[in-house]
Amino acid sequence: MATVVDRPTEISLPSRVRAHAADYVGLTKPRIIELLLVTTLPVMMLAAKGFPGLEVLVATLVGGTLAAGAANALNCYVDRDIDAVMRRTARRPLVRSVIPPRNALIFGLALGALSVVGLWLMTNLLSALLALGAIAFYVLIYTMLLKRRTSSNIVWGGAAGCMPVLIGWSAVTGSLSWTPVVLFAVVFLWTPPHFWALAMQFRSDYAAANVPMLPVVATPEFVAGRIVAYTWAMVAASIVLWPVAHTTALYPAVAVVLGALFLRETYALRARVHAGEPAHPTRVFHRSIHYLSLLFLAVAVDALLQHWH
């Protein structure tokens, strides 16, 4: 009887193309981009007191997506040595060697150029310059300068993640004002509690990679205290938007409730740490995403209410 030999299943060309495209998309860290877009659209609605024009809306969201993707791809290029050490990032395309580093660098630069030129042509020069500044700050200041040198890396480096607020506002109005600055401050103060909670969970990863995230160089008690302090400052900044942007009563009511719920979660984290119990910092991490998403949803709804009245 003839022996049947199993042959390796050949992967079709369309499947290979899709897989390769997915690897390049992976360089852009799409889950992070989603969170950035959550802040962009509501700010544009607040600036327009309703829905902005379709053309400027699409141009800003596409341009912002490309800018964030460029920054993240370049971050993957620079941090590929760190990513190879950390379990959390071990599946990224450059670590798996499915994309050559040179290709990732070219890809990131191309996305950045497309975003800046696109925003300039479709919105205005200010929005384009803000996008360029965000990319440069994230790659040059945070990734290359701060991340490996100081425990304050995410405090200052997080400023790049606040730029979509300014870009969205300037795309609609062609200028900046105190309203987007206040929302910039909210996201700026939100970033450390959000990221420190994640870094507490993956402390051993950052320690193995010699990245001095605060949870690596400070005690859990100190980190938990800082998370509480920054959360208080963030909640205060969120309420300042009420008089500055002349919102309806809906926004401050939602801001207070969301802030109280988030503060309760951060105090619970601190209590667990002081009691020597498992910290479960990912609870704060996930609650921070819910907080930011719902707060900016309130901004969008408030803008519609102002438009209808």
C-alpha atoms as a PDB file:
ATOM      1  CA  MET A   1       0.000   0.000   0.000  1.00  0.00           C
ATOM      2  CA  ALA A   2       1.371   3.384  -0.938  1.00  0.00           C
ATOM      3  CA  THR A   3       2.250   5.717   1.904  1.00  0.00           C
ATOM      4  CA  VAL A   4       0.474   9.052   1.869  1.00  0.00           C
ATOM      5  CA  VAL A   5       2.909  11.865   2.623  1.00  0.00           C
ATOM      6  CA  ASP A   6       1.459  15.029   4.147  1.00  0.00           C
ATOM      7  CA  ARG A   7       2.528  18.084   2.244  1.00  0.00           C
ATOM      8  CA  PRO A   8       2.711  21.510   3.873  1.00  0.00           C
ATOM      9  CA  THR A   9      -0.277  23.580   2.946  1.00  0.00           C
ATOM     10  CA  GLU A  10       0.771  26.438   0.710  1.00  0.00           C
ATOM     11  CA  ILE A  11      -0.456  29.850   1.715  1.00  0.00           C
ATOM     12  CA  SER A  12      -2.190  31.647  -1.098  1.00  0.00           C
ATOM     13  CA  LEU A  13      -0.882  34.965  -2.386  1.00  0.00           C
ATOM     14  CA  PRO A  14      -3.922  36.968  -1.142  1.00  0.00           C
ATOM     15  CA  SER A  15      -3.458  35.457   2.322  1.00  0.00           C
ATOM     16  CA  ARG A  16       0.232  36.368   2.335  1.00  0.00           C
ATOM     17  CA  VAL A  17      -0.592  39.912   1.246  1.00  0.00           C
ATOM     18  CA  ARG A  18      -3.217  40.259   3.973  1.00  0.00           C
ATOM     19  CA  ALA A  19      -0.838  38.928   6.601  1.00  0.00           C
ATOM     20  CA  HIS A  20       1.929  41.279   5.479  1.00  0.00           C
ATOM     21  CA  ALA A  21      -0.468  44.233   5.470  1.00  0.00           C
ATOM     22  CA  ALA A  22      -1.613  43.271   8.962  1.00  0.00           C
ATOM     23  CA  ASP A  23       2.008  43.333  10.112  1.00  0.00           C
ATOM     24  CA  TYR A  24       2.439  46.886   8.840  1.00  0.00           C
ATOM     25  CA  VAL A  25      -0.828  47.906  10.481  1.00  0.00           C
ATOM     26  CA  GLY A  26       0.510  46.354  13.671  1.00  0.00           C
ATOM     27  CA  LEU A  27       3.438  48.766  13.574  1.00  0.00           C
ATOM     28  CA  THR A  28       0.985  51.656  13.938  1.00  0.00           C
ATOM     29  CA  LYS A  29      -0.496  50.274  17.203  1.00  0.00           C
ATOM     30  CA  PRO A  30      -4.140  50.708  16.110  1.00  0.00           C
ATOM     31  CA  ARG A  31      -5.580  50.292  19.617  1.00  0.00           C
ATOM     32  CA  ILE A  32      -3.682  53.375  20.752  1.00  0.00           C
ATOM     33  CA  ILE A  33      -4.875  55.292  17.692  1.00  0.00           C
ATOM     34  CA  GLU A  34      -8.491  54.462  18.547  1.00  0.00           C
ATOM     35  CA  LEU A  35      -8.084  56.137  21.917  1.00  0.00           C
ATOM     36  CA  LEU A  36      -6.545  59.228  20.334  1.00  0.00           C
ATOM     37  CA  LEU A  37      -9.452  59.547  17.906  1.00  0.00           C
ATOM     38  CA  VAL A  38     -11.863  59.335  20.835  1.00  0.00           C
ATOM     39  CA  THR A  39     -10.528  62.726  21.931  1.00  0.00           C
ATOM     40  CA  THR A  40     -10.334  64.310  18.466  1.00  0.00           C
ATOM     41  CA  LEU A  41     -13.934  64.113  17.255  1.00  0.00           C
ATOM     42  CA  PRO A  42     -15.586  65.551  20.405  1.00  0.00           C
ATOM     43  CA  VAL A  43     -13.164  68.478  20.417  1.00  0.00           C
ATOM     44  CA  MET A  44     -14.007  69.203  16.782  1.00  0.00           C
ATOM     45  CA  MET A  45     -17.707  69.125  17.661  1.00  0.00           C
ATOM     46  CA  LEU A  46     -17.108  71.488  20.577  1.00  0.00           C
ATOM     47  CA  ALA A  47     -15.192  73.859  18.318  1.00  0.00           C
ATOM     48  CA  ALA A  48     -17.964  73.778  15.705  1.00  0.00           C
ATOM     49  CA  LYS A  49     -20.791  73.844  18.306  1.00  0.00           C
ATOM     50  CA  GLY A  50     -22.194  70.832  16.476  1.00  0.00           C
ATOM     51  CA  PHE A  51     -20.965  68.629  13.661  1.00  0.00           C
ATOM     52  CA  PRO A  52     -18.040  70.094  11.706  1.00  0.00           C
ATOM     53  CA  GLY A  53     -18.084  69.940   7.935  1.00  0.00           C
ATOM     54  CA  LEU A  54     -17.667  66.450   6.487  1.00  0.00           C
ATOM     55  CA  GLU A  55     -14.540  67.372   4.510  1.00  0.00           C
ATOM     56  CA  VAL A  56     -12.646  68.809   7.460  1.00  0.00           C
ATOM     57  CA  LEU A  57     -13.865  65.974   9.688  1.00  0.00           C
ATOM     58  CA  VAL A  58     -12.596  63.240   7.379  1.00  0.00           C
ATOM     59  CA  ALA A  59      -9.360  65.081   6.608  1.00  0.00           C
ATOM     60  CA  THR A  60      -8.593  65.591  10.305  1.00  0.00           C
ATOM     61  CA  LEU A  61      -9.403  62.054  11.381  1.00  0.00           C
ATOM     62  CA  VAL A  62      -7.441  60.531   8.500  1.00  0.00           C
ATOM     63  CA  GLY A  63      -4.542  62.928   9.000  1.00  0.00           C
ATOM     64  CA  GLY A  64      -4.553  62.306  12.737  1.00  0.00           C
ATOM     65  CA  THR A  65      -4.610  58.550  12.202  1.00  0.00           C
ATOM     66  CA  LEU A  66      -1.635  58.766   9.841  1.00  0.00           C
ATOM     67  CA  ALA A  67       0.287  61.006  12.257  1.00  0.00           C
ATOM     68  CA  ALA A  68      -0.301  58.693  15.205  1.00  0.00           C
ATOM     69  CA  GLY A  69       0.542  55.674  13.061  1.00  0.00           C
ATOM     70  CA  ALA A  70       3.772  57.328  11.962  1.00  0.00           C
ATOM     71  CA  ALA A  71       4.804  58.104  15.528  1.00  0.00           C
ATOM     72  CA  ASN A  72       4.018  54.563  16.671  1.00  0.00           C
ATOM     73  CA  ALA A  73       5.825  52.931  13.735  1.00  0.00           C
ATOM     74  CA  LEU A  74       8.920  55.028  14.369  1.00  0.00           C
ATOM     75  CA  ASN A  75       8.655  54.177  18.059  1.00  0.00           C
ATOM     76  CA  CYS A  76       8.663  50.470  17.130  1.00  0.00           C
ATOM     77  CA  TYR A  77      11.777  51.057  15.016  1.00  0.00           C
ATOM     78  CA  VAL A  78      13.693  52.811  17.790  1.00  0.00           C
ATOM     79  CA  ASP A  79      12.493  50.512  20.591  1.00  0.00           C
ATOM     80  CA  ARG A  80      12.880  47.184  18.809  1.00  0.00           C
ATOM     81  CA  ASP A  81      15.653  46.137  21.208  1.00  0.00           C
ATOM     82  CA  ILE A  82      13.437  46.846  24.219  1.00  0.00           C
ATOM     83  CA  ASP A  83      10.409  45.194  22.635  1.00  0.00           C
ATOM     84  CA  ALA A  84      12.412  42.001  22.130  1.00  0.00           C
ATOM     85  CA  VAL A  85      13.017  41.742  25.887  1.00  0.00           C
ATOM     86  CA  MET A  86       9.506  42.509  27.114  1.00  0.00           C
ATOM     87  CA  ARG A  87       6.811  39.833  27.078  1.00  0.00           C
ATOM     88  CA  ARG A  88       4.092  42.428  26.439  1.00  0.00           C
ATOM     89  CA  THR A  89       5.710  43.502  23.170  1.00  0.00           C
ATOM     90  CA  ALA A  90       7.307  40.231  22.054  1.00  0.00           C
ATOM     91  CA  ARG A  91       4.795  39.744  19.238  1.00  0.00           C
ATOM     92  CA  ARG A  92       5.396  43.065  17.519  1.00  0.00           C
ATOM     93  CA  PRO A  93       6.378  42.777  13.832  1.00  0.00           C
ATOM     94  CA  LEU A  94       9.997  43.915  14.188  1.00  0.00           C
ATOM     95  CA  VAL A  95      10.606  41.530  17.057  1.00  0.00           C
ATOM     96  CA  ARG A  96       9.254  38.629  14.984  1.00  0.00           C
ATOM     97  CA  SER A  97      11.440  39.788  12.063  1.00  0.00           C
ATOM     98  CA  VAL A  98       8.507  39.776   9.644  1.00  0.00           C
ATOM     99  CA  ILE A  99       9.328  43.364   8.626  1.00  0.00           C
ATOM    100  CA  PRO A 100      12.913  44.601   8.123  1.00  0.00           C
ATOM    101  CA  PRO A 101      13.812  47.577  10.365  1.00  0.00           C
ATOM    102  CA  ARG A 102      14.680  49.691   7.321  1.00  0.00           C
ATOM    103  CA  ASN A 103      11.207  49.107   5.880  1.00  0.00           C
ATOM    104  CA  ALA A 104       9.601  50.074   9.180  1.00  0.00           C
ATOM    105  CA  LEU A 105      11.623  53.301   9.247  1.00  0.00           C
ATOM    106  CA  ILE A 106      10.608  54.203   5.691  1.00  0.00           C
ATOM    107  CA  PHE A 107       6.993  53.281   6.440  1.00  0.00           C
ATOM    108  CA  GLY A 108       6.882  55.519   9.516  1.00  0.00           C
ATOM    109  CA  LEU A 109       8.487  58.473   7.718  1.00  0.00           C
ATOM    110  CA  ALA A 110       6.110  58.062   4.761  1.00  0.00           C
ATOM    111  CA  LEU A 111       3.057  58.030   7.030  1.00  0.00           C
ATOM    112  CA  GLY A 112       4.340  61.139   8.777  1.00  0.00           C
ATOM    113  CA  ALA A 113       4.863  62.990   5.501  1.00  0.00           C
ATOM    114  CA  LEU A 114       1.396  62.015   4.255  1.00  0.00           C
ATOM    115  CA  SER A 115      -0.229  63.186   7.481  1.00  0.00           C
ATOM    116  CA  VAL A 116       1.488  66.576   7.547  1.00  0.00           C
ATOM    117  CA  VAL A 117       0.972  67.322   3.848  1.00  0.00           C
ATOM    118  CA  GLY A 118      -2.599  66.058   3.953  1.00  0.00           C
ATOM    119  CA  LEU A 119      -3.540  68.173   6.958  1.00  0.00           C
ATOM    120  CA  TRP A 120      -1.880  71.215   5.406  1.00  0.00           C
ATOM    121  CA  LEU A 121      -3.747  70.852   2.109  1.00  0.00           C
ATOM    122  CA  MET A 122      -7.107  69.752   3.523  1.00  0.00           C
ATOM    123  CA  THR A 123      -7.287  71.793   6.750  1.00  0.00           C
ATOM    124  CA  ASN A 124      -4.650  74.421   7.528  1.00  0.00           C
ATOM    125  CA  LEU A 125      -0.964  74.941   8.228  1.00  0.00           C
ATOM    126  CA  LEU A 126      -1.414  75.154  12.010  1.00  0.00           C
ATOM    127  CA  SER A 127      -2.939  71.675  12.207  1.00  0.00           C
ATOM    128  CA  ALA A 128      -0.147  70.304  10.002  1.00  0.00           C
ATOM    129  CA  LEU A 129       2.546  71.854  12.186  1.00  0.00           C
ATOM    130  CA  LEU A 130       0.897  70.507  15.333  1.00  0.00           C
ATOM    131  CA  ALA A 131       0.869  67.010  13.806  1.00  0.00           C
ATOM    132  CA  LEU A 132       4.536  67.343  12.857  1.00  0.00           C
ATOM    133  CA  GLY A 133       5.333  68.531  16.366  1.00  0.00           C
ATOM    134  CA  ALA A 134       3.474  65.594  17.904  1.00  0.00           C
ATOM    135  CA  ILE A 135       5.388  63.065  15.806  1.00  0.00           C
ATOM    136  CA  ALA A 136       8.744  64.715  16.501  1.00  0.00           C
ATOM    137  CA  PHE A 137       8.063  65.039  20.221  1.00  0.00           C
ATOM    138  CA  TYR A 138       6.979  61.423  20.625  1.00  0.00           C
ATOM    139  CA  VAL A 139       9.894  59.986  18.683  1.00  0.00           C
ATOM    140  CA  LEU A 140      12.760  62.356  19.492  1.00  0.00           C
ATOM    141  CA  ILE A 141      11.898  63.608  22.981  1.00  0.00           C
ATOM    142  CA  TYR A 142       9.993  60.716  24.550  1.00  0.00           C
ATOM    143  CA  THR A 143      11.276  57.599  22.774  1.00  0.00           C
ATOM    144  CA  MET A 144      14.891  58.571  22.144  1.00  0.00           C
ATOM    145  CA  LEU A 145      15.627  60.968  25.011  1.00  0.00           C
ATOM    146  CA  LEU A 146      13.351  60.485  28.026  1.00  0.00           C
ATOM    147  CA  LYS A 147      12.136  56.898  28.023  1.00  0.00           C
ATOM    148  CA  ARG A 148      15.464  55.263  28.870  1.00  0.00           C
ATOM    149  CA  ARG A 149      16.807  58.019  31.103  1.00  0.00           C
ATOM    150  CA  THR A 150      14.212  59.244  33.617  1.00  0.00           C
ATOM    151  CA  SER A 151      11.294  57.961  35.646  1.00  0.00           C
ATOM    152  CA  SER A 152       9.414  61.100  34.580  1.00  0.00           C
ATOM    153  CA  ASN A 153       9.464  59.824  30.996  1.00  0.00           C
ATOM    154  CA  ILE A 154       5.734  59.252  30.632  1.00  0.00           C
ATOM    155  CA  VAL A 155       4.846  62.504  32.423  1.00  0.00           C
ATOM    156  CA  TRP A 156       6.495  64.690  29.808  1.00  0.00           C
ATOM    157  CA  GLY A 157       6.413  62.228  26.946  1.00  0.00           C
ATOM    158  CA  GLY A 158       2.665  61.905  27.330  1.00  0.00           C
ATOM    159  CA  ALA A 159       2.292  65.418  25.938  1.00  0.00           C
ATOM    160  CA  ALA A 160       2.449  63.930  22.443  1.00  0.00           C
ATOM    161  CA  GLY A 161      -0.742  62.000  23.137  1.00  0.00           C
ATOM    162  CA  CYS A 162      -2.515  65.244  24.012  1.00  0.00           C
ATOM    163  CA  MET A 163      -1.856  66.834  20.624  1.00  0.00           C
ATOM    164  CA  PRO A 164      -4.964  65.411  18.864  1.00  0.00           C
ATOM    165  CA  VAL A 165      -7.009  67.753  21.043  1.00  0.00           C
ATOM    166  CA  LEU A 166      -5.163  70.778  19.681  1.00  0.00           C
ATOM    167  CA  ILE A 167      -5.152  69.421  16.121  1.00  0.00           C
ATOM    168  CA  GLY A 168      -8.896  68.802  16.153  1.00  0.00           C
ATOM    169  CA  TRP A 169      -9.667  72.280  17.449  1.00  0.00           C
ATOM    170  CA  SER A 170      -7.303  74.066  15.073  1.00  0.00           C
ATOM    171  CA  ALA A 171      -8.601  72.107  12.071  1.00  0.00           C
ATOM    172  CA  VAL A 172     -12.062  73.565  12.678  1.00  0.00           C
ATOM    173  CA  THR A 173     -11.179  77.074  13.837  1.00  0.00           C
ATOM    174  CA  GLY A 174      -7.747  77.715  12.324  1.00  0.00           C
ATOM    175  CA  SER A 175      -6.507  78.854  15.740  1.00  0.00           C
ATOM    176  CA  LEU A 176      -6.135  77.795  19.374  1.00  0.00           C
ATOM    177  CA  SER A 177      -7.834  79.023  22.541  1.00  0.00           C
ATOM    178  CA  TRP A 178      -8.080  78.194  26.226  1.00  0.00           C
ATOM    179  CA  THR A 179     -10.718  75.520  25.625  1.00  0.00           C
ATOM    180  CA  PRO A 180      -8.414  73.048  23.830  1.00  0.00           C
ATOM    181  CA  VAL A 181      -5.619  73.953  26.244  1.00  0.00           C
ATOM    182  CA  VAL A 182      -7.800  72.846  29.172  1.00  0.00           C
ATOM    183  CA  LEU A 183      -8.639  69.576  27.412  1.00  0.00           C
ATOM    184  CA  PHE A 184      -4.934  69.156  26.628  1.00  0.00           C
ATOM    185  CA  ALA A 185      -4.292  69.455  30.370  1.00  0.00           C
ATOM    186  CA  VAL A 186      -6.947  66.830  31.123  1.00  0.00           C
ATOM    187  CA  VAL A 187      -5.308  64.280  28.820  1.00  0.00           C
ATOM    188  CA  PHE A 188      -1.826  65.300  30.022  1.00  0.00           C
ATOM    189  CA  LEU A 189      -2.776  64.630  33.656  1.00  0.00           C
ATOM    190  CA  TRP A 190      -4.687  61.466  32.728  1.00  0.00           C
ATOM    191  CA  THR A 191      -1.676  59.853  31.030  1.00  0.00           C
ATOM    192  CA  PRO A 192       0.507  59.107  34.106  1.00  0.00           C
ATOM    193  CA  PRO A 193      -2.202  57.263  36.107  1.00  0.00           C
ATOM    194  CA  HIS A 194      -3.194  55.385  32.960  1.00  0.00           C
ATOM    195  CA  PHE A 195       0.337  54.308  32.059  1.00  0.00           C
ATOM    196  CA  TRP A 196       1.742  53.839  35.563  1.00  0.00           C
ATOM    197  CA  ALA A 197      -1.044  51.355  36.280  1.00  0.00           C
ATOM    198  CA  LEU A 198       0.006  49.391  33.198  1.00  0.00           C
ATOM    199  CA  ALA A 199       3.672  49.677  34.171  1.00  0.00           C
ATOM    200  CA  MET A 200       2.875  48.339  37.651  1.00  0.00           C
ATOM    201  CA  GLN A 201       1.402  45.241  36.037  1.00  0.00           C
ATOM    202  CA  PHE A 202       4.416  44.773  33.747  1.00  0.00           C
ATOM    203  CA  ARG A 203       7.069  46.032  36.153  1.00  0.00           C
ATOM    204  CA  SER A 204       9.325  43.018  35.579  1.00  0.00           C
ATOM    205  CA  ASP A 205       9.231  43.623  31.814  1.00  0.00           C
ATOM    206  CA  TYR A 206      10.424  47.213  32.142  1.00  0.00           C
ATOM    207  CA  ALA A 207      13.025  46.213  34.728  1.00  0.00           C
ATOM    208  CA  ALA A 208      14.399  43.517  32.405  1.00  0.00           C
ATOM    209  CA  ALA A 209      14.622  46.081  29.599  1.00  0.00           C
ATOM    210  CA  ASN A 210      16.317  48.662  31.889  1.00  0.00           C
ATOM    211  CA  VAL A 211      13.542  51.190  31.283  1.00  0.00           C
ATOM    212  CA  PRO A 212      13.185  53.349  34.428  1.00  0.00           C
ATOM    213  CA  MET A 213       9.409  53.584  34.533  1.00  0.00           C
ATOM    214  CA  LEU A 214       8.267  54.905  37.914  1.00  0.00           C
ATOM    215  CA  PRO A 215       7.049  51.492  39.165  1.00  0.00           C
ATOM    216  CA  VAL A 216      10.541  50.102  38.460  1.00  0.00           C
ATOM    217  CA  VAL A 217      12.452  52.696  40.496  1.00  0.00           C
ATOM    218  CA  ALA A 218       9.900  53.533  43.221  1.00  0.00           C
ATOM    219  CA  THR A 219       7.931  51.551  45.774  1.00  0.00           C
ATOM    220  CA  PRO A 220       4.345  50.490  44.973  1.00  0.00           C
ATOM    221  CA  GLU A 221       3.162  52.762  47.789  1.00  0.00           C
ATOM    222  CA  PHE A 222       4.838  55.770  46.194  1.00  0.00           C
ATOM    223  CA  VAL A 223       3.457  54.939  42.750  1.00  0.00           C
ATOM    224  CA  ALA A 224      -0.071  54.467  44.090  1.00  0.00           C
ATOM    225  CA  GLY A 225       0.157  57.827  45.846  1.00  0.00           C
ATOM    226  CA  ARG A 226       1.279  59.536  42.652  1.00  0.00           C
ATOM    227  CA  ILE A 227      -1.595  57.920  40.744  1.00  0.00           C
ATOM    228  CA  VAL A 228      -4.069  59.338  43.265  1.00  0.00           C
ATOM    229  CA  ALA A 229      -2.476  62.804  43.131  1.00  0.00           C
ATOM    230  CA  TYR A 230      -2.490  63.020  39.351  1.00  0.00           C
ATOM    231  CA  THR A 231      -6.084  61.785  39.259  1.00  0.00           C
ATOM    232  CA  TRP A 232      -7.173  64.593  41.577  1.00  0.00           C
ATOM    233  CA  ALA A 233      -5.410  67.124  39.337  1.00  0.00           C
ATOM    234  CA  MET A 234      -7.032  65.592  36.245  1.00  0.00           C
ATOM    235  CA  VAL A 235     -10.521  65.773  37.740  1.00  0.00           C
ATOM    236  CA  ALA A 236      -9.958  69.406  38.723  1.00  0.00           C
ATOM    237  CA  ALA A 237      -8.807  70.245  35.189  1.00  0.00           C
ATOM    238  CA  SER A 238     -11.853  68.505  33.708  1.00  0.00           C
ATOM    239  CA  ILE A 239     -14.193  70.708  35.736  1.00  0.00           C
ATOM    240  CA  VAL A 240     -12.355  73.871  34.658  1.00  0.00           C
ATOM    241  CA  LEU A 241     -13.686  73.238  31.149  1.00  0.00           C
ATOM    242  CA  TRP A 242     -17.189  74.170  32.351  1.00  0.00           C
ATOM    243  CA  PRO A 243     -16.565  77.930  32.780  1.00  0.00           C
ATOM    244  CA  VAL A 244     -13.898  78.144  30.090  1.00  0.00           C
ATOM    245  CA  ALA A 245     -15.963  76.548  27.304  1.00  0.00           C
ATOM    246  CA  HIS A 246     -19.331  77.756  28.670  1.00  0.00           C
ATOM    247  CA  THR A 247     -20.767  74.260  28.529  1.00  0.00           C
ATOM    248  CA  THR A 248     -24.261  73.322  29.645  1.00  0.00           C
ATOM    249  CA  ALA A 249     -24.828  71.845  33.099  1.00  0.00           C
ATOM    250  CA  LEU A 250     -24.641  68.343  31.623  1.00  0.00           C
ATOM    251  CA  TYR A 251     -20.884  68.324  31.161  1.00  0.00           C
ATOM    252  CA  PRO A 252     -19.793  69.280  34.719  1.00  0.00           C
ATOM    253  CA  ALA A 253     -22.315  66.840  36.185  1.00  0.00           C
ATOM    254  CA  VAL A 254     -20.879  63.992  34.129  1.00  0.00           C
ATOM    255  CA  ALA A 255     -17.307  65.143  34.836  1.00  0.00           C
ATOM    256  CA  VAL A 256     -17.892  65.082  38.595  1.00  0.00           C
ATOM    257  CA  VAL A 257     -19.512  61.628  38.560  1.00  0.00           C
ATOM    258  CA  LEU A 258     -16.828  60.110  36.313  1.00  0.00           C
ATOM    259  CA  GLY A 259     -14.091  61.749  38.341  1.00  0.00           C
ATOM    260  CA  ALA A 260     -15.513  60.418  41.603  1.00  0.00           C
ATOM    261  CA  LEU A 261     -15.723  56.884  40.200  1.00  0.00           C
ATOM    262  CA  PHE A 262     -12.154  57.013  38.899  1.00  0.00           C
ATOM    263  CA  LEU A 263     -10.866  58.442  42.170  1.00  0.00           C
ATOM    264  CA  ARG A 264     -12.572  55.616  44.039  1.00  0.00           C
ATOM    265  CA  GLU A 265     -10.704  53.118  41.875  1.00  0.00           C
ATOM    266  CA  THR A 266      -7.341  54.805  42.464  1.00  0.00           C
ATOM    267  CA  TYR A 267      -7.927  54.981  46.230  1.00  0.00           C
ATOM    268  CA  ALA A 268      -8.840  51.290  46.182  1.00  0.00           C
ATOM    269  CA  LEU A 269      -5.536  50.578  44.441  1.00  0.00           C
ATOM    270  CA  ARG A 270      -3.656  52.524  47.091  1.00  0.00           C
ATOM    271  CA  ALA A 271      -5.511  50.712  49.880  1.00  0.00           C
ATOM    272  CA  ARG A 272      -4.666  47.298  48.404  1.00  0.00           C
ATOM    273  CA  VAL A 273      -0.996  48.268  48.082  1.00  0.00           C
ATOM    274  CA  HIS A 274      -0.784  49.533  51.682  1.00  0.00           C
ATOM    275  CA  ALA A 275      -2.510  46.377  52.923  1.00  0.00           C
ATOM    276  CA  GLY A 276      -0.010  44.197  51.127  1.00  0.00           C
ATOM    277  CA  GLU A 277      -2.729  42.631  48.991  1.00  0.00           C
ATOM    278  CA  PRO A 278      -2.491  41.939  45.243  1.00  0.00           C
ATOM    279  CA  ALA A 279      -2.615  45.405  43.647  1.00  0.00           C
ATOM    280  CA  HIS A 280      -4.599  44.494  40.500  1.00  0.00           C
ATOM    281  CA  PRO A 281      -3.406  47.721  38.786  1.00  0.00           C
ATOM    282  CA  THR A 282      -5.062  46.771  35.490  1.00  0.00           C
ATOM    283  CA  ARG A 283      -8.363  47.763  37.100  1.00  0.00           C
ATOM    284  CA  VAL A 284      -7.157  51.362  37.142  1.00  0.00           C
ATOM    285  CA  PHE A 285      -5.762  50.979  33.635  1.00  0.00           C
ATOM    286  CA  HIS A 286      -9.083  49.815  32.183  1.00  0.00           C
ATOM    287  CA  ARG A 287     -11.123  52.309  34.228  1.00  0.00           C
ATOM    288  CA  SER A 288      -8.919  55.097  32.903  1.00  0.00           C
ATOM    289  CA  ILE A 289      -9.885  54.195  29.336  1.00  0.00           C
ATOM    290  CA  HIS A 290     -13.569  54.164  30.285  1.00  0.00           C
ATOM    291  CA  TYR A 291     -13.144  57.513  32.034  1.00  0.00           C
ATOM    292  CA  LEU A 292     -11.534  59.288  29.104  1.00  0.00           C
ATOM    293  CA  SER A 293     -13.949  57.828  26.551  1.00  0.00           C
ATOM    294  CA  LEU A 294     -17.047  58.782  28.549  1.00  0.00           C
ATOM    295  CA  LEU A 295     -15.727  62.230  29.471  1.00  0.00           C
ATOM    296  CA  PHE A 296     -15.128  63.127  25.830  1.00  0.00           C
ATOM    297  CA  LEU A 297     -18.481  61.610  24.898  1.00  0.00           C
ATOM    298  CA  ALA A 298     -19.974  64.113  27.341  1.00  0.00           C
ATOM    299  CA  VAL A 299     -18.058  66.873  25.535  1.00  0.00           C
ATOM    300  CA  ALA A 300     -19.600  65.762  22.224  1.00  0.00           C
ATOM    301  CA  VAL A 301     -23.126  65.516  23.608  1.00  0.00           C
ATOM    302  CA  ASP A 302     -22.766  68.921  25.274  1.00  0.00           C
ATOM    303  CA  ALA A 303     -21.673  70.432  21.957  1.00  0.00           C
ATOM    304  CA  LEU A 304     -24.804  69.043  20.301  1.00  0.00           C
ATOM    305  CA  LEU A 305     -26.991  70.447  23.068  1.00  0.00           C
ATOM    306  CA  GLN A 306     -25.456  73.885  22.565  1.00  0.00           C
ATOM    307  CA  HIS A 307     -26.065  73.568  18.826  1.00  0.00           C
ATOM    308  CA  TRP A 308     -29.722  72.612  19.253  1.00  0.00           C
ATOM    309  CA  HIS A 309     -30.329  75.467  21.673  1.00  0.00           C
END
